[in-house]
Amino acid sequence: MEIQSLTVSERIILAEALWDSVVAEGSEIELTDAQKLELDRRLKSFELDEDRGGSWADVKARILSK
């Protein structure tokens, strides 16, 4: 099958089916060492940051006002 010959809608449905098949297997996706280090770095940065950001209500309101 030529993926490019599918419509955008058909490709989205195919992508969803592929994702659903991965989830159905229940297998974990392994992170690389670089990804683990980056997550650790971001978590440490978050924990040190005094600015915790806005509430979901404030963020949502800001997004919807645009």
PDB file of N, CA and C in Angstrom:
ATOM      1  N   MET A   1       0.839  -1.181   0.000  1.00  0.00           N
ATOM      2  CA  MET A   1       0.000   0.000   0.000  1.00  0.00           C
ATOM      3  C   MET A   1       0.886   1.246   0.000  1.00  0.00           C
ATOM      4  N   GLU A   2       0.577   2.177  -0.847  1.00  0.00           N
ATOM      5  CA  GLU A   2       1.262   3.463  -0.883  1.00  0.00           C
ATOM      6  C   GLU A   2       0.553   4.405   0.074  1.00  0.00           C
ATOM      7  N   ILE A   3       1.225   4.743   1.151  1.00  0.00           N
ATOM      8  CA  ILE A   3       0.599   5.596   2.162  1.00  0.00           C
ATOM      9  C   ILE A   3       0.208   6.947   1.571  1.00  0.00           C
ATOM     10  N   GLN A   4       1.043   7.491   0.717  1.00  0.00           N
ATOM     11  CA  GLN A   4       0.756   8.800   0.137  1.00  0.00           C
ATOM     12  C   GLN A   4      -0.483   8.796  -0.753  1.00  0.00           C
ATOM     13  N   SER A   5      -0.917   7.621  -1.186  1.00  0.00           N
ATOM     14  CA  SER A   5      -2.121   7.558  -2.016  1.00  0.00           C
ATOM     15  C   SER A   5      -3.391   7.633  -1.174  1.00  0.00           C
ATOM     16  N   LEU A   6      -3.248   7.485   0.144  1.00  0.00           N
ATOM     17  CA  LEU A   6      -4.405   7.584   1.031  1.00  0.00           C
ATOM     18  C   LEU A   6      -4.762   9.041   1.266  1.00  0.00           C
ATOM     19  N   THR A   7      -6.024   9.284   1.558  1.00  0.00           N
ATOM     20  CA  THR A   7      -6.436  10.635   1.919  1.00  0.00           C
ATOM     21  C   THR A   7      -5.907  10.947   3.318  1.00  0.00           C
ATOM     22  N   VAL A   8      -5.949  12.207   3.684  1.00  0.00           N
ATOM     23  CA  VAL A   8      -5.503  12.600   5.026  1.00  0.00           C
ATOM     24  C   VAL A   8      -6.328  11.871   6.073  1.00  0.00           C
ATOM     25  N   SER A   9      -7.628  11.803   5.880  1.00  0.00           N
ATOM     26  CA  SER A   9      -8.488  11.110   6.838  1.00  0.00           C
ATOM     27  C   SER A   9      -8.116   9.637   6.971  1.00  0.00           C
ATOM     28  N   GLU A  10      -7.836   8.996   5.847  1.00  0.00           N
ATOM     29  CA  GLU A  10      -7.451   7.583   5.871  1.00  0.00           C
ATOM     30  C   GLU A  10      -6.116   7.383   6.596  1.00  0.00           C
ATOM     31  N   ARG A  11      -5.186   8.321   6.397  1.00  0.00           N
ATOM     32  CA  ARG A  11      -3.894   8.217   7.075  1.00  0.00           C
ATOM     33  C   ARG A  11      -4.039   8.418   8.579  1.00  0.00           C
ATOM     34  N   ILE A  12      -4.929   9.319   8.981  1.00  0.00           N
ATOM     35  CA  ILE A  12      -5.177   9.526  10.413  1.00  0.00           C
ATOM     36  C   ILE A  12      -5.780   8.269  11.024  1.00  0.00           C
ATOM     37  N   ILE A  13      -6.723   7.660  10.334  1.00  0.00           N
ATOM     38  CA  ILE A  13      -7.339   6.422  10.821  1.00  0.00           C
ATOM     39  C   ILE A  13      -6.278   5.323  10.926  1.00  0.00           C
ATOM     40  N   LEU A  14      -5.388   5.246   9.948  1.00  0.00           N
ATOM     41  CA  LEU A  14      -4.309   4.260   9.982  1.00  0.00           C
ATOM     42  C   LEU A  14      -3.386   4.512  11.173  1.00  0.00           C
ATOM     43  N   ALA A  15      -3.037   5.770  11.405  1.00  0.00           N
ATOM     44  CA  ALA A  15      -2.174   6.112  12.545  1.00  0.00           C
ATOM     45  C   ALA A  15      -2.843   5.734  13.862  1.00  0.00           C
ATOM     46  N   GLU A  16      -4.140   5.996  13.977  1.00  0.00           N
ATOM     47  CA  GLU A  16      -4.877   5.620  15.192  1.00  0.00           C
ATOM     48  C   GLU A  16      -4.877   4.111  15.383  1.00  0.00           C
ATOM     49  N   ALA A  17      -5.069   3.385  14.296  1.00  0.00           N
ATOM     50  CA  ALA A  17      -5.074   1.917  14.378  1.00  0.00           C
ATOM     51  C   ALA A  17      -3.709   1.389  14.807  1.00  0.00           C
ATOM     52  N   LEU A  18      -2.650   1.987  14.267  1.00  0.00           N
ATOM     53  CA  LEU A  18      -1.302   1.579  14.669  1.00  0.00           C
ATOM     54  C   LEU A  18      -1.075   1.854  16.151  1.00  0.00           C
ATOM     55  N   TRP A  19      -1.453   3.051  16.606  1.00  0.00           N
ATOM     56  CA  TRP A  19      -1.283   3.405  18.017  1.00  0.00           C
ATOM     57  C   TRP A  19      -2.088   2.455  18.901  1.00  0.00           C
ATOM     58  N   ASP A  20      -3.334   2.194  18.526  1.00  0.00           N
ATOM     59  CA  ASP A  20      -4.183   1.286  19.308  1.00  0.00           C
ATOM     60  C   ASP A  20      -3.568  -0.107  19.393  1.00  0.00           C
ATOM     61  N   SER A  21      -2.911  -0.555  18.320  1.00  0.00           N
ATOM     62  CA  SER A  21      -2.297  -1.881  18.340  1.00  0.00           C
ATOM     63  C   SER A  21      -1.107  -1.915  19.289  1.00  0.00           C
ATOM     64  N   VAL A  22      -0.378  -0.823  19.406  1.00  0.00           N
ATOM     65  CA  VAL A  22       0.749  -0.744  20.343  1.00  0.00           C
ATOM     66  C   VAL A  22       0.228  -0.764  21.772  1.00  0.00           C
ATOM     67  N   VAL A  23      -0.801   0.025  22.038  1.00  0.00           N
ATOM     68  CA  VAL A  23      -1.381   0.094  23.381  1.00  0.00           C
ATOM     69  C   VAL A  23      -1.969  -1.253  23.773  1.00  0.00           C
ATOM     70  N   ALA A  24      -2.608  -1.934  22.842  1.00  0.00           N
ATOM     71  CA  ALA A  24      -3.254  -3.217  23.129  1.00  0.00           C
ATOM     72  C   ALA A  24      -2.247  -4.273  23.572  1.00  0.00           C
ATOM     73  N   GLU A  25      -1.017  -4.183  23.072  1.00  0.00           N
ATOM     74  CA  GLU A  25       0.011  -5.134  23.471  1.00  0.00           C
ATOM     75  C   GLU A  25       0.438  -4.934  24.916  1.00  0.00           C
ATOM     76  N   GLY A  26       0.227  -3.754  25.419  1.00  0.00           N
ATOM     77  CA  GLY A  26       0.580  -3.463  26.794  1.00  0.00           C
ATOM     78  C   GLY A  26       2.074  -3.411  27.053  1.00  0.00           C
ATOM     79  N   SER A  27       2.841  -3.348  26.003  1.00  0.00           N
ATOM     80  CA  SER A  27       4.290  -3.301  26.197  1.00  0.00           C
ATOM     81  C   SER A  27       4.721  -1.868  26.489  1.00  0.00           C
ATOM     82  N   GLU A  28       5.740  -1.758  27.315  1.00  0.00           N
ATOM     83  CA  GLU A  28       6.259  -0.454  27.664  1.00  0.00           C
ATOM     84  C   GLU A  28       7.232   0.021  26.591  1.00  0.00           C
ATOM     85  N   ILE A  29       7.234   1.306  26.382  1.00  0.00           N
ATOM     86  CA  ILE A  29       8.169   1.904  25.443  1.00  0.00           C
ATOM     87  C   ILE A  29       9.407   2.293  26.246  1.00  0.00           C
ATOM     88  N   GLU A  30      10.528   1.743  25.864  1.00  0.00           N
ATOM     89  CA  GLU A  30      11.778   2.005  26.574  1.00  0.00           C
ATOM     90  C   GLU A  30      12.300   3.399  26.235  1.00  0.00           C
ATOM     91  N   LEU A  31      12.734   4.107  27.264  1.00  0.00           N
ATOM     92  CA  LEU A  31      13.363   5.399  27.054  1.00  0.00           C
ATOM     93  C   LEU A  31      14.861   5.204  26.880  1.00  0.00           C
ATOM     94  N   THR A  32      15.450   6.055  26.074  1.00  0.00           N
ATOM     95  CA  THR A  32      16.902   6.023  25.937  1.00  0.00           C
ATOM     96  C   THR A  32      17.514   6.680  27.174  1.00  0.00           C
ATOM     97  N   ASP A  33      18.802   6.458  27.382  1.00  0.00           N
ATOM     98  CA  ASP A  33      19.490   7.105  28.500  1.00  0.00           C
ATOM     99  C   ASP A  33      19.408   8.622  28.368  1.00  0.00           C
ATOM    100  N   ALA A  34      19.523   9.127  27.156  1.00  0.00           N
ATOM    101  CA  ALA A  34      19.437  10.572  26.930  1.00  0.00           C
ATOM    102  C   ALA A  34      18.057  11.102  27.313  1.00  0.00           C
ATOM    103  N   GLN A  35      17.005  10.359  26.984  1.00  0.00           N
ATOM    104  CA  GLN A  35      15.656  10.777  27.344  1.00  0.00           C
ATOM    105  C   GLN A  35      15.465  10.767  28.861  1.00  0.00           C
ATOM    106  N   LYS A  36      15.996   9.757  29.527  1.00  0.00           N
ATOM    107  CA  LYS A  36      15.901   9.680  30.986  1.00  0.00           C
ATOM    108  C   LYS A  36      16.623  10.856  31.635  1.00  0.00           C
ATOM    109  N   LEU A  37      17.819  11.176  31.132  1.00  0.00           N
ATOM    110  CA  LEU A  37      18.565  12.313  31.664  1.00  0.00           C
ATOM    111  C   LEU A  37      17.810  13.620  31.465  1.00  0.00           C
ATOM    112  N   GLU A  38      17.206  13.778  30.298  1.00  0.00           N
ATOM    113  CA  GLU A  38      16.446  14.997  30.015  1.00  0.00           C
ATOM    114  C   GLU A  38      15.233  15.114  30.935  1.00  0.00           C
ATOM    115  N   LEU A  39      14.539  14.011  31.170  1.00  0.00           N
ATOM    116  CA  LEU A  39      13.399  14.035  32.085  1.00  0.00           C
ATOM    117  C   LEU A  39      13.846  14.376  33.501  1.00  0.00           C
ATOM    118  N   ASP A  40      14.956  13.806  33.932  1.00  0.00           N
ATOM    119  CA  ASP A  40      15.498  14.122  35.257  1.00  0.00           C
ATOM    120  C   ASP A  40      15.863  15.599  35.357  1.00  0.00           C
ATOM    121  N   ARG A  41      16.485  16.133  34.295  1.00  0.00           N
ATOM    122  CA  ARG A  41      16.870  17.541  34.276  1.00  0.00           C
ATOM    123  C   ARG A  41      15.643  18.441  34.384  1.00  0.00           C
ATOM    124  N   ARG A  42      14.599  18.109  33.634  1.00  0.00           N
ATOM    125  CA  ARG A  42      13.379  18.917  33.658  1.00  0.00           C
ATOM    126  C   ARG A  42      12.677  18.828  35.003  1.00  0.00           C
ATOM    127  N   LEU A  43      12.665  17.646  35.605  1.00  0.00           N
ATOM    128  CA  LEU A  43      12.039  17.486  36.913  1.00  0.00           C
ATOM    129  C   LEU A  43      12.783  18.306  37.962  1.00  0.00           C
ATOM    130  N   LYS A  44      14.101  18.261  37.942  1.00  0.00           N
ATOM    131  CA  LYS A  44      14.897  19.031  38.895  1.00  0.00           C
ATOM    132  C   LYS A  44      14.648  20.524  38.702  1.00  0.00           C
ATOM    133  N   SER A  45      14.609  20.964  37.458  1.00  0.00           N
ATOM    134  CA  SER A  45      14.340  22.362  37.153  1.00  0.00           C
ATOM    135  C   SER A  45      12.958  22.768  37.672  1.00  0.00           C
ATOM    136  N   PHE A  46      11.988  21.910  37.489  1.00  0.00           N
ATOM    137  CA  PHE A  46      10.631  22.180  37.964  1.00  0.00           C
ATOM    138  C   PHE A  46      10.609  22.283  39.489  1.00  0.00           C
ATOM    139  N   GLU A  47      11.306  21.381  40.157  1.00  0.00           N
ATOM    140  CA  GLU A  47      11.310  21.359  41.617  1.00  0.00           C
ATOM    141  C   GLU A  47      12.013  22.589  42.196  1.00  0.00           C
ATOM    142  N   LEU A  48      13.010  23.129  41.488  1.00  0.00           N
ATOM    143  CA  LEU A  48      13.733  24.305  41.955  1.00  0.00           C
ATOM    144  C   LEU A  48      13.022  25.607  41.626  1.00  0.00           C
ATOM    145  N   ASP A  49      12.133  25.579  40.655  1.00  0.00           N
ATOM    146  CA  ASP A  49      11.458  26.783  40.177  1.00  0.00           C
ATOM    147  C   ASP A  49      10.404  27.230  41.176  1.00  0.00           C
ATOM    148  N   GLU A  50      10.508  28.485  41.595  1.00  0.00           N
ATOM    149  CA  GLU A  50       9.513  29.026  42.528  1.00  0.00           C
ATOM    150  C   GLU A  50       8.204  29.376  41.821  1.00  0.00           C
ATOM    151  N   ASP A  51       8.277  29.596  40.510  1.00  0.00           N
ATOM    152  CA  ASP A  51       7.076  29.944  39.743  1.00  0.00           C
ATOM    153  C   ASP A  51       6.427  28.662  39.245  1.00  0.00           C
ATOM    154  N   ARG A  52       5.353  28.262  39.870  1.00  0.00           N
ATOM    155  CA  ARG A  52       4.680  27.007  39.522  1.00  0.00           C
ATOM    156  C   ARG A  52       3.729  27.159  38.339  1.00  0.00           C
ATOM    157  N   GLY A  53       3.688  28.339  37.758  1.00  0.00           N
ATOM    158  CA  GLY A  53       2.807  28.539  36.616  1.00  0.00           C
ATOM    159  C   GLY A  53       1.400  28.893  37.056  1.00  0.00           C
ATOM    160  N   GLY A  54       0.483  28.846  36.107  1.00  0.00           N
ATOM    161  CA  GLY A  54      -0.899  29.206  36.400  1.00  0.00           C
ATOM    162  C   GLY A  54      -1.778  27.987  36.574  1.00  0.00           C
ATOM    163  N   SER A  55      -2.932  28.241  37.112  1.00  0.00           N
ATOM    164  CA  SER A  55      -3.911  27.163  37.255  1.00  0.00           C
ATOM    165  C   SER A  55      -4.453  26.797  35.881  1.00  0.00           C
ATOM    166  N   TRP A  56      -5.049  25.616  35.781  1.00  0.00           N
ATOM    167  CA  TRP A  56      -5.622  25.192  34.501  1.00  0.00           C
ATOM    168  C   TRP A  56      -6.694  26.174  34.064  1.00  0.00           C
ATOM    169  N   ALA A  57      -7.502  26.656  34.993  1.00  0.00           N
ATOM    170  CA  ALA A  57      -8.573  27.600  34.648  1.00  0.00           C
ATOM    171  C   ALA A  57      -7.987  28.858  34.027  1.00  0.00           C
ATOM    172  N   ASP A  58      -6.890  29.394  34.610  1.00  0.00           N
ATOM    173  CA  ASP A  58      -6.257  30.605  34.072  1.00  0.00           C
ATOM    174  C   ASP A  58      -5.638  30.347  32.700  1.00  0.00           C
ATOM    175  N   VAL A  59      -4.950  29.234  32.558  1.00  0.00           N
ATOM    176  CA  VAL A  59      -4.308  28.898  31.281  1.00  0.00           C
ATOM    177  C   VAL A  59      -5.365  28.707  30.193  1.00  0.00           C
ATOM    178  N   LYS A  60      -6.422  27.970  30.529  1.00  0.00           N
ATOM    179  CA  LYS A  60      -7.495  27.723  29.549  1.00  0.00           C
ATOM    180  C   LYS A  60      -8.150  29.042  29.131  1.00  0.00           C
ATOM    181  N   ALA A  61      -8.427  29.894  30.098  1.00  0.00           N
ATOM    182  CA  ALA A  61      -9.039  31.186  29.789  1.00  0.00           C
ATOM    183  C   ALA A  61      -8.138  32.026  28.878  1.00  0.00           C
ATOM    184  N   ARG A  62      -6.835  32.009  29.150  1.00  0.00           N
ATOM    185  CA  ARG A  62      -5.883  32.751  28.329  1.00  0.00           C
ATOM    186  C   ARG A  62      -5.853  32.215  26.894  1.00  0.00           C
ATOM    187  N   ILE A  63      -5.891  30.907  26.748  1.00  0.00           N
ATOM    188  CA  ILE A  63      -5.872  30.295  25.418  1.00  0.00           C
ATOM    189  C   ILE A  63      -7.149  30.632  24.653  1.00  0.00           C
ATOM    190  N   LEU A  64      -8.282  30.501  25.332  1.00  0.00           N
ATOM    191  CA  LEU A  64      -9.555  30.739  24.671  1.00  0.00           C
ATOM    192  C   LEU A  64      -9.811  32.202  24.337  1.00  0.00           C
ATOM    193  N   SER A  65      -9.099  33.111  25.005  1.00  0.00           N
ATOM    194  CA  SER A  65      -9.304  34.534  24.750  1.00  0.00           C
ATOM    195  C   SER A  65      -8.580  35.001  23.486  1.00  0.00           C
ATOM    196  N   LYS A  66      -7.735  34.150  22.936  1.00  0.00           N
ATOM    197  CA  LYS A  66      -6.961  34.542  21.731  1.00  0.00           C
ATOM    198  C   LYS A  66      -7.768  34.365  20.477  1.00  0.00           C
TER     199      LYS A  66
END
